[in-house]
């Protein structure tokens, strides 16, 4: 009815994709200037890779990925003006990878230490 698909697919520099596998998604993320998503998973990867990300939701379970927490994501919901503002901010921001606290690959070690400490 709104011919959105046709309008968006004619937009230069924008690619819409059907779902892809994890490795392909990482490759695309690394080569992207900006992501627009409603996916929680992409928020984490975009922050670690430094790709600016506009989250098309009003909330997120991944608050550590938000720009105000040091990540690369901005919440914009479905408000066109907020999306536009987030876009303008994102394209002006240099890529900066951000690995949130505790995303250091040592979770199992910390869990084991906590279990052993609690068992004593």
PDB file of N, CA and C in Angstrom:
ATOM      1  N   UNK A   1       0.818  -1.189   0.000  1.00  0.00           N
ATOM      2  CA  UNK A   1       0.000   0.000   0.000  1.00  0.00           C
ATOM      3  C   UNK A   1       0.870   1.266   0.000  1.00  0.00           C
ATOM      4  N   UNK A   2       1.938   1.282   0.798  1.00  0.00           N
ATOM      5  CA  UNK A   2       2.791   2.461   0.878  1.00  0.00           C
ATOM      6  C   UNK A   2       3.974   2.392  -0.078  1.00  0.00           C
ATOM      7  N   UNK A   3       4.151   1.260  -0.736  1.00  0.00           N
ATOM      8  CA  UNK A   3       5.262   1.046  -1.679  1.00  0.00           C
ATOM      9  C   UNK A   3       6.614   1.278  -1.016  1.00  0.00           C
ATOM     10  N   UNK A   4       6.695   0.955   0.266  1.00  0.00           N
ATOM     11  CA  UNK A   4       7.934   1.151   1.013  1.00  0.00           C
ATOM     12  C   UNK A   4       9.086   0.334   0.464  1.00  0.00           C
ATOM     13  N   UNK A   5       8.841  -0.948   0.182  1.00  0.00           N
ATOM     14  CA  UNK A   5       9.903  -1.813  -0.326  1.00  0.00           C
ATOM     15  C   UNK A   5      10.524  -1.207  -1.577  1.00  0.00           C
ATOM     16  N   UNK A   6       9.687  -0.754  -2.508  1.00  0.00           N
ATOM     17  CA  UNK A   6      10.187  -0.163  -3.750  1.00  0.00           C
ATOM     18  C   UNK A   6      11.000   1.098  -3.467  1.00  0.00           C
ATOM     19  N   UNK A   7      10.516   1.930  -2.560  1.00  0.00           N
ATOM     20  CA  UNK A   7      11.230   3.169  -2.243  1.00  0.00           C
ATOM     21  C   UNK A   7      12.587   2.881  -1.603  1.00  0.00           C
ATOM     22  N   UNK A   8      12.606   1.975  -0.658  1.00  0.00           N
ATOM     23  CA  UNK A   8      13.850   1.677   0.058  1.00  0.00           C
ATOM     24  C   UNK A   8      14.852   0.986  -0.853  1.00  0.00           C
ATOM     25  N   UNK A   9      14.397   0.060  -1.682  1.00  0.00           N
ATOM     26  CA  UNK A   9      15.341  -0.656  -2.550  1.00  0.00           C
ATOM     27  C   UNK A   9      15.911   0.247  -3.633  1.00  0.00           C
ATOM     28  N   UNK A  10      15.285   1.366  -3.908  1.00  0.00           N
ATOM     29  CA  UNK A  10      15.832   2.327  -4.879  1.00  0.00           C
ATOM     30  C   UNK A  10      16.805   3.303  -4.222  1.00  0.00           C
ATOM     31  N   UNK A  11      16.907   3.269  -2.909  1.00  0.00           N
ATOM     32  CA  UNK A  11      17.781   4.183  -2.182  1.00  0.00           C
ATOM     33  C   UNK A  11      19.239   3.775  -2.379  1.00  0.00           C
ATOM     34  N   UNK A  12      20.046   4.708  -2.825  1.00  0.00           N
ATOM     35  CA  UNK A  12      21.462   4.443  -3.050  1.00  0.00           C
ATOM     36  C   UNK A  12      22.175   4.214  -1.722  1.00  0.00           C
ATOM     37  N   UNK A  13      23.031   3.207  -1.692  1.00  0.00           N
ATOM     38  CA  UNK A  13      23.842   2.949  -0.513  1.00  0.00           C
ATOM     39  C   UNK A  13      23.160   2.147   0.568  1.00  0.00           C
ATOM     40  N   UNK A  14      21.935   1.713   0.324  1.00  0.00           N
ATOM     41  CA  UNK A  14      21.217   0.926   1.320  1.00  0.00           C
ATOM     42  C   UNK A  14      20.946  -0.455   0.746  1.00  0.00           C
ATOM     43  N   UNK A  15      21.190  -1.462   1.566  1.00  0.00           N
ATOM     44  CA  UNK A  15      20.967  -2.841   1.140  1.00  0.00           C
ATOM     45  C   UNK A  15      20.013  -3.497   2.128  1.00  0.00           C
ATOM     46  N   UNK A  16      18.929  -4.059   1.618  1.00  0.00           N
ATOM     47  CA  UNK A  16      18.002  -4.837   2.441  1.00  0.00           C
ATOM     48  C   UNK A  16      18.224  -6.296   2.121  1.00  0.00           C
ATOM     49  N   UNK A  17      18.318  -7.106   3.150  1.00  0.00           N
ATOM     50  CA  UNK A  17      18.610  -8.524   2.947  1.00  0.00           C
ATOM     51  C   UNK A  17      17.612  -9.403   3.670  1.00  0.00           C
ATOM     52  N   UNK A  18      17.427 -10.553   3.111  1.00  0.00           N
ATOM     53  CA  UNK A  18      16.713 -11.601   3.834  1.00  0.00           C
ATOM     54  C   UNK A  18      17.714 -12.119   4.882  1.00  0.00           C
ATOM     55  N   UNK A  19      17.272 -12.896   5.854  1.00  0.00           N
ATOM     56  CA  UNK A  19      18.202 -13.387   6.881  1.00  0.00           C
ATOM     57  C   UNK A  19      19.417 -14.107   6.280  1.00  0.00           C
ATOM     58  N   UNK A  20      20.576 -13.858   6.892  1.00  0.00           N
ATOM     59  CA  UNK A  20      21.831 -14.490   6.457  1.00  0.00           C
ATOM     60  C   UNK A  20      22.418 -15.253   7.639  1.00  0.00           C
ATOM     61  N   UNK A  21      23.407 -16.090   7.372  1.00  0.00           N
ATOM     62  CA  UNK A  21      24.089 -16.834   8.425  1.00  0.00           C
ATOM     63  C   UNK A  21      24.967 -15.920   9.269  1.00  0.00           C
ATOM     64  N   UNK A  22      25.430 -16.453  10.390  1.00  0.00           N
ATOM     65  CA  UNK A  22      26.193 -15.658  11.348  1.00  0.00           C
ATOM     66  C   UNK A  22      27.479 -15.083  10.750  1.00  0.00           C
ATOM     67  N   UNK A  23      28.274 -15.901  10.071  1.00  0.00           N
ATOM     68  CA  UNK A  23      29.542 -15.416   9.513  1.00  0.00           C
ATOM     69  C   UNK A  23      29.312 -14.367   8.435  1.00  0.00           C
ATOM     70  N   UNK A  24      28.301 -14.563   7.604  1.00  0.00           N
ATOM     71  CA  UNK A  24      27.970 -13.567   6.583  1.00  0.00           C
ATOM     72  C   UNK A  24      27.512 -12.268   7.251  1.00  0.00           C
ATOM     73  N   UNK A  25      26.735 -12.388   8.323  1.00  0.00           N
ATOM     74  CA  UNK A  25      26.276 -11.207   9.043  1.00  0.00           C
ATOM     75  C   UNK A  25      27.463 -10.429   9.620  1.00  0.00           C
ATOM     76  N   UNK A  26      28.442 -11.134  10.182  1.00  0.00           N
ATOM     77  CA  UNK A  26      29.629 -10.450  10.706  1.00  0.00           C
ATOM     78  C   UNK A  26      30.395  -9.746   9.593  1.00  0.00           C
ATOM     79  N   UNK A  27      30.536 -10.413   8.450  1.00  0.00           N
ATOM     80  CA  UNK A  27      31.237  -9.809   7.309  1.00  0.00           C
ATOM     81  C   UNK A  27      30.520  -8.539   6.855  1.00  0.00           C
ATOM     82  N   UNK A  28      29.204  -8.619   6.738  1.00  0.00           N
ATOM     83  CA  UNK A  28      28.422  -7.451   6.330  1.00  0.00           C
ATOM     84  C   UNK A  28      28.519  -6.337   7.370  1.00  0.00           C
ATOM     85  N   UNK A  29      28.464  -6.693   8.630  1.00  0.00           N
ATOM     86  CA  UNK A  29      28.567  -5.723   9.716  1.00  0.00           C
ATOM     87  C   UNK A  29      29.909  -4.991   9.648  1.00  0.00           C
ATOM     88  N   UNK A  30      30.990  -5.733   9.465  1.00  0.00           N
ATOM     89  CA  UNK A  30      32.325  -5.124   9.409  1.00  0.00           C
ATOM     90  C   UNK A  30      32.461  -4.168   8.231  1.00  0.00           C
ATOM     91  N   UNK A  31      31.735  -4.425   7.141  1.00  0.00           N
ATOM     92  CA  UNK A  31      31.825  -3.571   5.961  1.00  0.00           C
ATOM     93  C   UNK A  31      30.786  -2.470   5.907  1.00  0.00           C
ATOM     94  N   UNK A  32      29.948  -2.374   6.929  1.00  0.00           N
ATOM     95  CA  UNK A  32      28.860  -1.392   6.922  1.00  0.00           C
ATOM     96  C   UNK A  32      29.287  -0.081   7.560  1.00  0.00           C
ATOM     97  N   UNK A  33      28.742   0.986   7.064  1.00  0.00           N
ATOM     98  CA  UNK A  33      28.954   2.303   7.666  1.00  0.00           C
ATOM     99  C   UNK A  33      27.997   2.508   8.838  1.00  0.00           C
ATOM    100  N   UNK A  34      26.829   1.835   8.756  1.00  0.00           N
ATOM    101  CA  UNK A  34      25.771   2.031   9.731  1.00  0.00           C
ATOM    102  C   UNK A  34      24.794   0.870   9.645  1.00  0.00           C
ATOM    103  N   UNK A  35      24.244   0.456  10.781  1.00  0.00           N
ATOM    104  CA  UNK A  35      23.211  -0.581  10.807  1.00  0.00           C
ATOM    105  C   UNK A  35      21.916   0.004  11.344  1.00  0.00           C
ATOM    106  N   UNK A  36      20.804  -0.430  10.763  1.00  0.00           N
ATOM    107  CA  UNK A  36      19.478  -0.176  11.315  1.00  0.00           C
ATOM    108  C   UNK A  36      18.891  -1.542  11.588  1.00  0.00           C
ATOM    109  N   UNK A  37      18.463  -1.784  12.819  1.00  0.00           N
ATOM    110  CA  UNK A  37      17.996  -3.122  13.164  1.00  0.00           C
ATOM    111  C   UNK A  37      17.009  -3.089  14.316  1.00  0.00           C
ATOM    112  N   UNK A  38      16.253  -4.166  14.435  1.00  0.00           N
ATOM    113  CA  UNK A  38      15.458  -4.381  15.643  1.00  0.00           C
ATOM    114  C   UNK A  38      15.972  -5.618  16.371  1.00  0.00           C
ATOM    115  N   UNK A  39      17.110  -6.130  15.927  1.00  0.00           N
ATOM    116  CA  UNK A  39      17.695  -7.350  16.474  1.00  0.00           C
ATOM    117  C   UNK A  39      18.588  -7.058  17.676  1.00  0.00           C
ATOM    118  N   UNK A  40      18.338  -7.751  18.779  1.00  0.00           N
ATOM    119  CA  UNK A  40      19.208  -7.621  19.942  1.00  0.00           C
ATOM    120  C   UNK A  40      20.603  -8.144  19.667  1.00  0.00           C
ATOM    121  N   UNK A  41      20.698  -9.225  18.911  1.00  0.00           N
ATOM    122  CA  UNK A  41      22.000  -9.809  18.602  1.00  0.00           C
ATOM    123  C   UNK A  41      22.900  -8.865  17.832  1.00  0.00           C
ATOM    124  N   UNK A  42      22.360  -8.171  16.857  1.00  0.00           N
ATOM    125  CA  UNK A  42      23.177  -7.245  16.074  1.00  0.00           C
ATOM    126  C   UNK A  42      23.690  -6.079  16.907  1.00  0.00           C
ATOM    127  N   UNK A  43      22.980  -5.737  17.957  1.00  0.00           N
ATOM    128  CA  UNK A  43      23.441  -4.649  18.819  1.00  0.00           C
ATOM    129  C   UNK A  43      24.779  -5.007  19.462  1.00  0.00           C
ATOM    130  N   UNK A  44      24.905  -6.219  19.941  1.00  0.00           N
ATOM    131  CA  UNK A  44      26.151  -6.658  20.563  1.00  0.00           C
ATOM    132  C   UNK A  44      27.296  -6.692  19.581  1.00  0.00           C
ATOM    133  N   UNK A  45      27.067  -7.316  18.428  1.00  0.00           N
ATOM    134  CA  UNK A  45      28.129  -7.405  17.433  1.00  0.00           C
ATOM    135  C   UNK A  45      28.531  -6.027  16.924  1.00  0.00           C
ATOM    136  N   UNK A  46      27.565  -5.138  16.716  1.00  0.00           N
ATOM    137  CA  UNK A  46      27.912  -3.815  16.194  1.00  0.00           C
ATOM    138  C   UNK A  46      28.775  -3.044  17.189  1.00  0.00           C
ATOM    139  N   UNK A  47      28.501  -3.176  18.476  1.00  0.00           N
ATOM    140  CA  UNK A  47      29.328  -2.479  19.469  1.00  0.00           C
ATOM    141  C   UNK A  47      30.746  -3.024  19.493  1.00  0.00           C
ATOM    142  N   UNK A  48      30.874  -4.346  19.509  1.00  0.00           N
ATOM    143  CA  UNK A  48      32.204  -4.961  19.541  1.00  0.00           C
ATOM    144  C   UNK A  48      32.990  -4.610  18.281  1.00  0.00           C
ATOM    145  N   UNK A  49      32.315  -4.542  17.134  1.00  0.00           N
ATOM    146  CA  UNK A  49      32.988  -4.230  15.871  1.00  0.00           C
ATOM    147  C   UNK A  49      33.111  -2.727  15.628  1.00  0.00           C
ATOM    148  N   UNK A  50      32.404  -1.918  16.411  1.00  0.00           N
ATOM    149  CA  UNK A  50      32.489  -0.464  16.262  1.00  0.00           C
ATOM    150  C   UNK A  50      31.567   0.115  15.214  1.00  0.00           C
ATOM    151  N   UNK A  51      30.599  -0.636  14.736  1.00  0.00           N
ATOM    152  CA  UNK A  51      29.684  -0.153  13.707  1.00  0.00           C
ATOM    153  C   UNK A  51      28.532   0.608  14.362  1.00  0.00           C
ATOM    154  N   UNK A  52      28.329   1.886  13.999  1.00  0.00           N
ATOM    155  CA  UNK A  52      27.184   2.608  14.548  1.00  0.00           C
ATOM    156  C   UNK A  52      25.883   1.871  14.224  1.00  0.00           C
ATOM    157  N   UNK A  53      24.962   1.853  15.183  1.00  0.00           N
ATOM    158  CA  UNK A  53      23.747   1.053  15.041  1.00  0.00           C
ATOM    159  C   UNK A  53      22.539   1.824  15.568  1.00  0.00           C
ATOM    160  N   UNK A  54      21.525   1.952  14.724  1.00  0.00           N
ATOM    161  CA  UNK A  54      20.266   2.560  15.133  1.00  0.00           C
ATOM    162  C   UNK A  54      19.295   1.427  15.408  1.00  0.00           C
ATOM    163  N   UNK A  55      18.804   1.380  16.629  1.00  0.00           N
ATOM    164  CA  UNK A  55      17.908   0.305  17.056  1.00  0.00           C
ATOM    165  C   UNK A  55      16.467   0.779  16.869  1.00  0.00           C
ATOM    166  N   UNK A  56      15.745   0.071  16.027  1.00  0.00           N
ATOM    167  CA  UNK A  56      14.370   0.442  15.701  1.00  0.00           C
ATOM    168  C   UNK A  56      13.399  -0.169  16.711  1.00  0.00           C
ATOM    169  N   UNK A  57      13.696   0.092  17.967  1.00  0.00           N
ATOM    170  CA  UNK A  57      12.881  -0.351  19.101  1.00  0.00           C
ATOM    171  C   UNK A  57      12.938   0.759  20.143  1.00  0.00           C
ATOM    172  N   UNK A  58      12.012   0.717  21.097  1.00  0.00           N
ATOM    173  CA  UNK A  58      11.984   1.724  22.158  1.00  0.00           C
ATOM    174  C   UNK A  58      12.766   1.295  23.387  1.00  0.00           C
ATOM    175  N   UNK A  59      13.162   0.041  23.448  1.00  0.00           N
ATOM    176  CA  UNK A  59      13.925  -0.452  24.593  1.00  0.00           C
ATOM    177  C   UNK A  59      14.839  -1.568  24.119  1.00  0.00           C
ATOM    178  N   UNK A  60      15.744  -1.952  24.996  1.00  0.00           N
ATOM    179  CA  UNK A  60      16.668  -3.024  24.648  1.00  0.00           C
ATOM    180  C   UNK A  60      17.081  -3.774  25.905  1.00  0.00           C
ATOM    181  N   UNK A  61      17.290  -5.056  25.737  1.00  0.00           N
ATOM    182  CA  UNK A  61      17.843  -5.852  26.833  1.00  0.00           C
ATOM    183  C   UNK A  61      19.365  -5.724  26.868  1.00  0.00           C
ATOM    184  N   UNK A  62      19.949  -5.128  25.860  1.00  0.00           N
ATOM    185  CA  UNK A  62      21.403  -4.987  25.742  1.00  0.00           C
ATOM    186  C   UNK A  62      21.815  -3.544  26.035  1.00  0.00           C
ATOM    187  N   UNK A  63      21.510  -3.054  27.227  1.00  0.00           N
ATOM    188  CA  UNK A  63      21.798  -1.657  27.558  1.00  0.00           C
ATOM    189  C   UNK A  63      23.291  -1.327  27.502  1.00  0.00           C
ATOM    190  N   UNK A  64      24.150  -2.317  27.691  1.00  0.00           N
ATOM    191  CA  UNK A  64      25.603  -2.060  27.629  1.00  0.00           C
ATOM    192  C   UNK A  64      26.048  -1.679  26.225  1.00  0.00           C
ATOM    193  N   UNK A  65      25.204  -1.896  25.213  1.00  0.00           N
ATOM    194  CA  UNK A  65      25.574  -1.547  23.840  1.00  0.00           C
ATOM    195  C   UNK A  65      25.155  -0.136  23.464  1.00  0.00           C
ATOM    196  N   UNK A  66      24.430   0.550  24.342  1.00  0.00           N
ATOM    197  CA  UNK A  66      23.958   1.899  24.034  1.00  0.00           C
ATOM    198  C   UNK A  66      25.099   2.904  24.097  1.00  0.00           C
ATOM    199  N   UNK A  67      25.025   3.925  23.261  1.00  0.00           N
ATOM    200  CA  UNK A  67      26.082   4.930  23.176  1.00  0.00           C
ATOM    201  C   UNK A  67      26.361   5.568  24.534  1.00  0.00           C
ATOM    202  N   UNK A  68      25.316   5.824  25.316  1.00  0.00           N
ATOM    203  CA  UNK A  68      25.539   6.457  26.625  1.00  0.00           C
ATOM    204  C   UNK A  68      26.237   5.534  27.616  1.00  0.00           C
ATOM    205  N   UNK A  69      26.345   4.256  27.284  1.00  0.00           N
ATOM    206  CA  UNK A  69      27.074   3.283  28.111  1.00  0.00           C
ATOM    207  C   UNK A  69      28.436   2.944  27.495  1.00  0.00           C
ATOM    208  N   UNK A  70      28.793   3.641  26.405  1.00  0.00           N
ATOM    209  CA  UNK A  70      30.068   3.393  25.750  1.00  0.00           C
ATOM    210  C   UNK A  70      29.974   2.517  24.515  1.00  0.00           C
ATOM    211  N   UNK A  71      28.772   2.070  24.167  1.00  0.00           N
ATOM    212  CA  UNK A  71      28.579   1.240  22.972  1.00  0.00           C
ATOM    213  C   UNK A  71      28.354   2.083  21.730  1.00  0.00           C
ATOM    214  N   UNK A  72      27.796   1.471  20.705  1.00  0.00           N
ATOM    215  CA  UNK A  72      27.597   2.158  19.427  1.00  0.00           C
ATOM    216  C   UNK A  72      26.132   2.302  19.047  1.00  0.00           C
ATOM    217  N   UNK A  73      25.219   1.881  19.907  1.00  0.00           N
ATOM    218  CA  UNK A  73      23.794   1.831  19.555  1.00  0.00           C
ATOM    219  C   UNK A  73      23.010   3.024  20.096  1.00  0.00           C
ATOM    220  N   UNK A  74      22.014   3.433  19.299  1.00  0.00           N
ATOM    221  CA  UNK A  74      21.074   4.468  19.701  1.00  0.00           C
ATOM    222  C   UNK A  74      19.661   3.931  19.531  1.00  0.00           C
ATOM    223  N   UNK A  75      18.833   4.092  20.535  1.00  0.00           N
ATOM    224  CA  UNK A  75      17.429   3.701  20.425  1.00  0.00           C
ATOM    225  C   UNK A  75      16.675   4.794  19.678  1.00  0.00           C
ATOM    226  N   UNK A  76      15.887   4.400  18.676  1.00  0.00           N
ATOM    227  CA  UNK A  76      15.116   5.376  17.907  1.00  0.00           C
ATOM    228  C   UNK A  76      13.656   4.980  17.759  1.00  0.00           C
ATOM    229  N   UNK A  77      13.322   3.756  18.132  1.00  0.00           N
ATOM    230  CA  UNK A  77      11.940   3.307  17.989  1.00  0.00           C
ATOM    231  C   UNK A  77      11.487   3.360  16.540  1.00  0.00           C
ATOM    232  N   UNK A  78      10.241   3.780  16.333  1.00  0.00           N
ATOM    233  CA  UNK A  78       9.729   3.910  14.972  1.00  0.00           C
ATOM    234  C   UNK A  78       9.394   5.360  14.644  1.00  0.00           C
ATOM    235  N   UNK A  79      10.011   6.268  15.376  1.00  0.00           N
ATOM    236  CA  UNK A  79       9.801   7.694  15.169  1.00  0.00           C
ATOM    237  C   UNK A  79      10.757   8.190  14.077  1.00  0.00           C
ATOM    238  N   UNK A  80      10.196   8.649  12.971  1.00  0.00           N
ATOM    239  CA  UNK A  80      11.008   9.056  11.818  1.00  0.00           C
ATOM    240  C   UNK A  80      12.000  10.148  12.192  1.00  0.00           C
ATOM    241  N   UNK A  81      11.584  11.115  12.982  1.00  0.00           N
ATOM    242  CA  UNK A  81      12.499  12.197  13.368  1.00  0.00           C
ATOM    243  C   UNK A  81      13.643  11.687  14.234  1.00  0.00           C
ATOM    244  N   UNK A  82      13.347  10.788  15.165  1.00  0.00           N
ATOM    245  CA  UNK A  82      14.416  10.212  16.000  1.00  0.00           C
ATOM    246  C   UNK A  82      15.367   9.369  15.161  1.00  0.00           C
ATOM    247  N   UNK A  83      14.828   8.622  14.203  1.00  0.00           N
ATOM    248  CA  UNK A  83      15.677   7.822  13.313  1.00  0.00           C
ATOM    249  C   UNK A  83      16.579   8.746  12.507  1.00  0.00           C
ATOM    250  N   UNK A  84      16.023   9.819  11.981  1.00  0.00           N
ATOM    251  CA  UNK A  84      16.808  10.787  11.194  1.00  0.00           C
ATOM    252  C   UNK A  84      17.908  11.414  12.057  1.00  0.00           C
ATOM    253  N   UNK A  85      17.566  11.823  13.280  1.00  0.00           N
ATOM    254  CA  UNK A  85      18.564  12.410  14.183  1.00  0.00           C
ATOM    255  C   UNK A  85      19.652  11.400  14.538  1.00  0.00           C
ATOM    256  N   UNK A  86      19.245  10.173  14.812  1.00  0.00           N
ATOM    257  CA  UNK A  86      20.217   9.121  15.136  1.00  0.00           C
ATOM    258  C   UNK A  86      21.133   8.864  13.948  1.00  0.00           C
ATOM    259  N   UNK A  87      20.574   8.891  12.743  1.00  0.00           N
ATOM    260  CA  UNK A  87      21.367   8.693  11.525  1.00  0.00           C
ATOM    261  C   UNK A  87      22.412   9.798  11.391  1.00  0.00           C
ATOM    262  N   UNK A  88      21.980  11.049  11.526  1.00  0.00           N
ATOM    263  CA  UNK A  88      22.914  12.176  11.396  1.00  0.00           C
ATOM    264  C   UNK A  88      24.043  12.072  12.418  1.00  0.00           C
ATOM    265  N   UNK A  89      23.702  11.703  13.637  1.00  0.00           N
ATOM    266  CA  UNK A  89      24.722  11.544  14.682  1.00  0.00           C
ATOM    267  C   UNK A  89      25.651  10.379  14.350  1.00  0.00           C
ATOM    268  N   UNK A  90      25.075   9.267  13.913  1.00  0.00           N
ATOM    269  CA  UNK A  90      25.869   8.058  13.653  1.00  0.00           C
ATOM    270  C   UNK A  90      26.869   8.250  12.524  1.00  0.00           C
ATOM    271  N   UNK A  91      26.471   8.923  11.445  1.00  0.00           N
ATOM    272  CA  UNK A  91      27.409   9.065  10.325  1.00  0.00           C
ATOM    273  C   UNK A  91      28.519  10.061  10.630  1.00  0.00           C
ATOM    274  N   UNK A  92      28.338  10.877  11.667  1.00  0.00           N
ATOM    275  CA  UNK A  92      29.384  11.808  12.090  1.00  0.00           C
ATOM    276  C   UNK A  92      30.339  11.194  13.109  1.00  0.00           C
ATOM    277  N   UNK A  93      29.969  10.035  13.636  1.00  0.00           N
ATOM    278  CA  UNK A  93      30.747   9.405  14.698  1.00  0.00           C
ATOM    279  C   UNK A  93      31.742   8.410  14.115  1.00  0.00           C
ATOM    280  N   UNK A  94      33.032   8.549  14.425  1.00  0.00           N
ATOM    281  CA  UNK A  94      34.009   7.576  13.916  1.00  0.00           C
ATOM    282  C   UNK A  94      33.771   6.186  14.510  1.00  0.00           C
ATOM    283  N   UNK A  95      34.127   5.169  13.751  1.00  0.00           N
ATOM    284  CA  UNK A  95      34.032   3.783  14.237  1.00  0.00           C
ATOM    285  C   UNK A  95      34.905   3.623  15.469  1.00  0.00           C
ATOM    286  N   UNK A  96      34.321   3.048  16.505  1.00  0.00           N
ATOM    287  CA  UNK A  96      35.082   2.833  17.734  1.00  0.00           C
ATOM    288  C   UNK A  96      34.595   1.542  18.377  1.00  0.00           C
ATOM    289  N   UNK A  97      35.349   0.456  18.201  1.00  0.00           N
ATOM    290  CA  UNK A  97      34.954  -0.798  18.845  1.00  0.00           C
ATOM    291  C   UNK A  97      34.831  -0.621  20.358  1.00  0.00           C
ATOM    292  N   UNK A  98      33.860  -1.299  20.934  1.00  0.00           N
ATOM    293  CA  UNK A  98      33.592  -1.178  22.363  1.00  0.00           C
ATOM    294  C   UNK A  98      33.203  -2.540  22.909  1.00  0.00           C
ATOM    295  N   UNK A  99      34.070  -3.119  23.718  1.00  0.00           N
ATOM    296  CA  UNK A  99      33.763  -4.413  24.332  1.00  0.00           C
ATOM    297  C   UNK A  99      33.270  -4.137  25.752  1.00  0.00           C
ATOM    298  N   UNK A 100      31.976  -4.385  26.014  1.00  0.00           N
ATOM    299  CA  UNK A 100      31.435  -4.125  27.355  1.00  0.00           C
ATOM    300  C   UNK A 100      32.156  -4.935  28.432  1.00  0.00           C
ATOM    301  N   UNK A 101      32.106  -4.401  29.648  1.00  0.00           N
ATOM    302  CA  UNK A 101      32.658  -5.134  30.794  1.00  0.00           C
ATOM    303  C   UNK A 101      32.081  -6.539  30.826  1.00  0.00           C
ATOM    304  N   UNK A 102      32.883  -7.467  31.210  1.00  0.00           N
ATOM    305  CA  UNK A 102      32.516  -8.886  31.351  1.00  0.00           C
ATOM    306  C   UNK A 102      32.307  -9.598  30.019  1.00  0.00           C
ATOM    307  N   UNK A 103      32.547  -8.947  28.883  1.00  0.00           N
ATOM    308  CA  UNK A 103      32.480  -9.622  27.583  1.00  0.00           C
ATOM    309  C   UNK A 103      33.906  -9.976  27.144  1.00  0.00           C
ATOM    310  N   UNK A 104      34.714 -10.364  28.094  1.00  0.00           N
ATOM    311  CA  UNK A 104      36.134 -10.587  27.848  1.00  0.00           C
ATOM    312  C   UNK A 104      36.495 -12.047  27.620  1.00  0.00           C
ATOM    313  N   UNK A 105      35.506 -12.927  27.521  1.00  0.00           N
ATOM    314  CA  UNK A 105      35.784 -14.346  27.303  1.00  0.00           C
ATOM    315  C   UNK A 105      36.135 -15.098  28.576  1.00  0.00           C
ATOM    316  N   UNK A 106      35.984 -14.467  29.738  1.00  0.00           N
ATOM    317  CA  UNK A 106      36.348 -15.109  31.003  1.00  0.00           C
ATOM    318  C   UNK A 106      35.129 -15.444  31.868  1.00  0.00           C
ATOM    319  N   UNK A 107      33.947 -15.497  31.269  1.00  0.00           N
ATOM    320  CA  UNK A 107      32.724 -15.752  32.036  1.00  0.00           C
ATOM    321  C   UNK A 107      32.770 -17.090  32.751  1.00  0.00           C
ATOM    322  N   UNK A 108      33.165 -18.143  32.049  1.00  0.00           N
ATOM    323  CA  UNK A 108      33.211 -19.477  32.664  1.00  0.00           C
ATOM    324  C   UNK A 108      34.163 -19.482  33.861  1.00  0.00           C
ATOM    325  N   UNK A 109      35.292 -18.818  33.722  1.00  0.00           N
ATOM    326  CA  UNK A 109      36.263 -18.736  34.819  1.00  0.00           C
ATOM    327  C   UNK A 109      35.657 -18.023  36.030  1.00  0.00           C
ATOM    328  N   UNK A 110      34.972 -16.903  35.804  1.00  0.00           N
ATOM    329  CA  UNK A 110      34.343 -16.175  36.910  1.00  0.00           C
ATOM    330  C   UNK A 110      33.235 -17.001  37.558  1.00  0.00           C
ATOM    331  N   UNK A 111      32.456 -17.717  36.749  1.00  0.00           N
ATOM    332  CA  UNK A 111      31.394 -18.581  37.296  1.00  0.00           C
ATOM    333  C   UNK A 111      31.988 -19.674  38.174  1.00  0.00           C
ATOM    334  N   UNK A 112      33.048 -20.311  37.695  1.00  0.00           N
ATOM    335  CA  UNK A 112      33.688 -21.371  38.472  1.00  0.00           C
ATOM    336  C   UNK A 112      34.238 -20.820  39.782  1.00  0.00           C
ATOM    337  N   UNK A 113      34.880 -19.664  39.724  1.00  0.00           N
ATOM    338  CA  UNK A 113      35.400 -19.051  40.945  1.00  0.00           C
ATOM    339  C   UNK A 113      34.270 -18.773  41.935  1.00  0.00           C
ATOM    340  N   UNK A 114      33.128 -18.274  41.459  1.00  0.00           N
ATOM    341  CA  UNK A 114      31.990 -17.981  42.339  1.00  0.00           C
ATOM    342  C   UNK A 114      31.422 -19.255  42.945  1.00  0.00           C
ATOM    343  N   UNK A 115      31.339 -20.318  42.152  1.00  0.00           N
ATOM    344  CA  UNK A 115      30.827 -21.603  42.655  1.00  0.00           C
ATOM    345  C   UNK A 115      31.759 -22.165  43.717  1.00  0.00           C
ATOM    346  N   UNK A 116      33.063 -22.140  43.438  1.00  0.00           N
ATOM    347  CA  UNK A 116      34.031 -22.664  44.401  1.00  0.00           C
ATOM    348  C   UNK A 116      34.025 -21.845  45.688  1.00  0.00           C
ATOM    349  N   UNK A 117      33.917 -20.541  45.551  1.00  0.00           N
ATOM    350  CA  UNK A 117      33.890 -19.670  46.724  1.00  0.00           C
ATOM    351  C   UNK A 117      32.629 -19.928  47.556  1.00  0.00           C
ATOM    352  N   UNK A 118      31.493 -20.128  46.896  1.00  0.00           N
ATOM    353  CA  UNK A 118      30.225 -20.381  47.594  1.00  0.00           C
ATOM    354  C   UNK A 118      30.206 -21.761  48.236  1.00  0.00           C
ATOM    355  N   UNK A 119      31.000 -22.685  47.708  1.00  0.00           N
ATOM    356  CA  UNK A 119      31.033 -24.056  48.226  1.00  0.00           C
ATOM    357  C   UNK A 119      31.875 -24.186  49.480  1.00  0.00           C
ATOM    358  N   UNK A 120      32.694 -23.209  49.762  1.00  0.00           N
ATOM    359  CA  UNK A 120      33.615 -23.287  50.905  1.00  0.00           C
ATOM    360  C   UNK A 120      32.897 -22.986  52.190  1.00  0.00           C
TER     361      UNK A 120
END
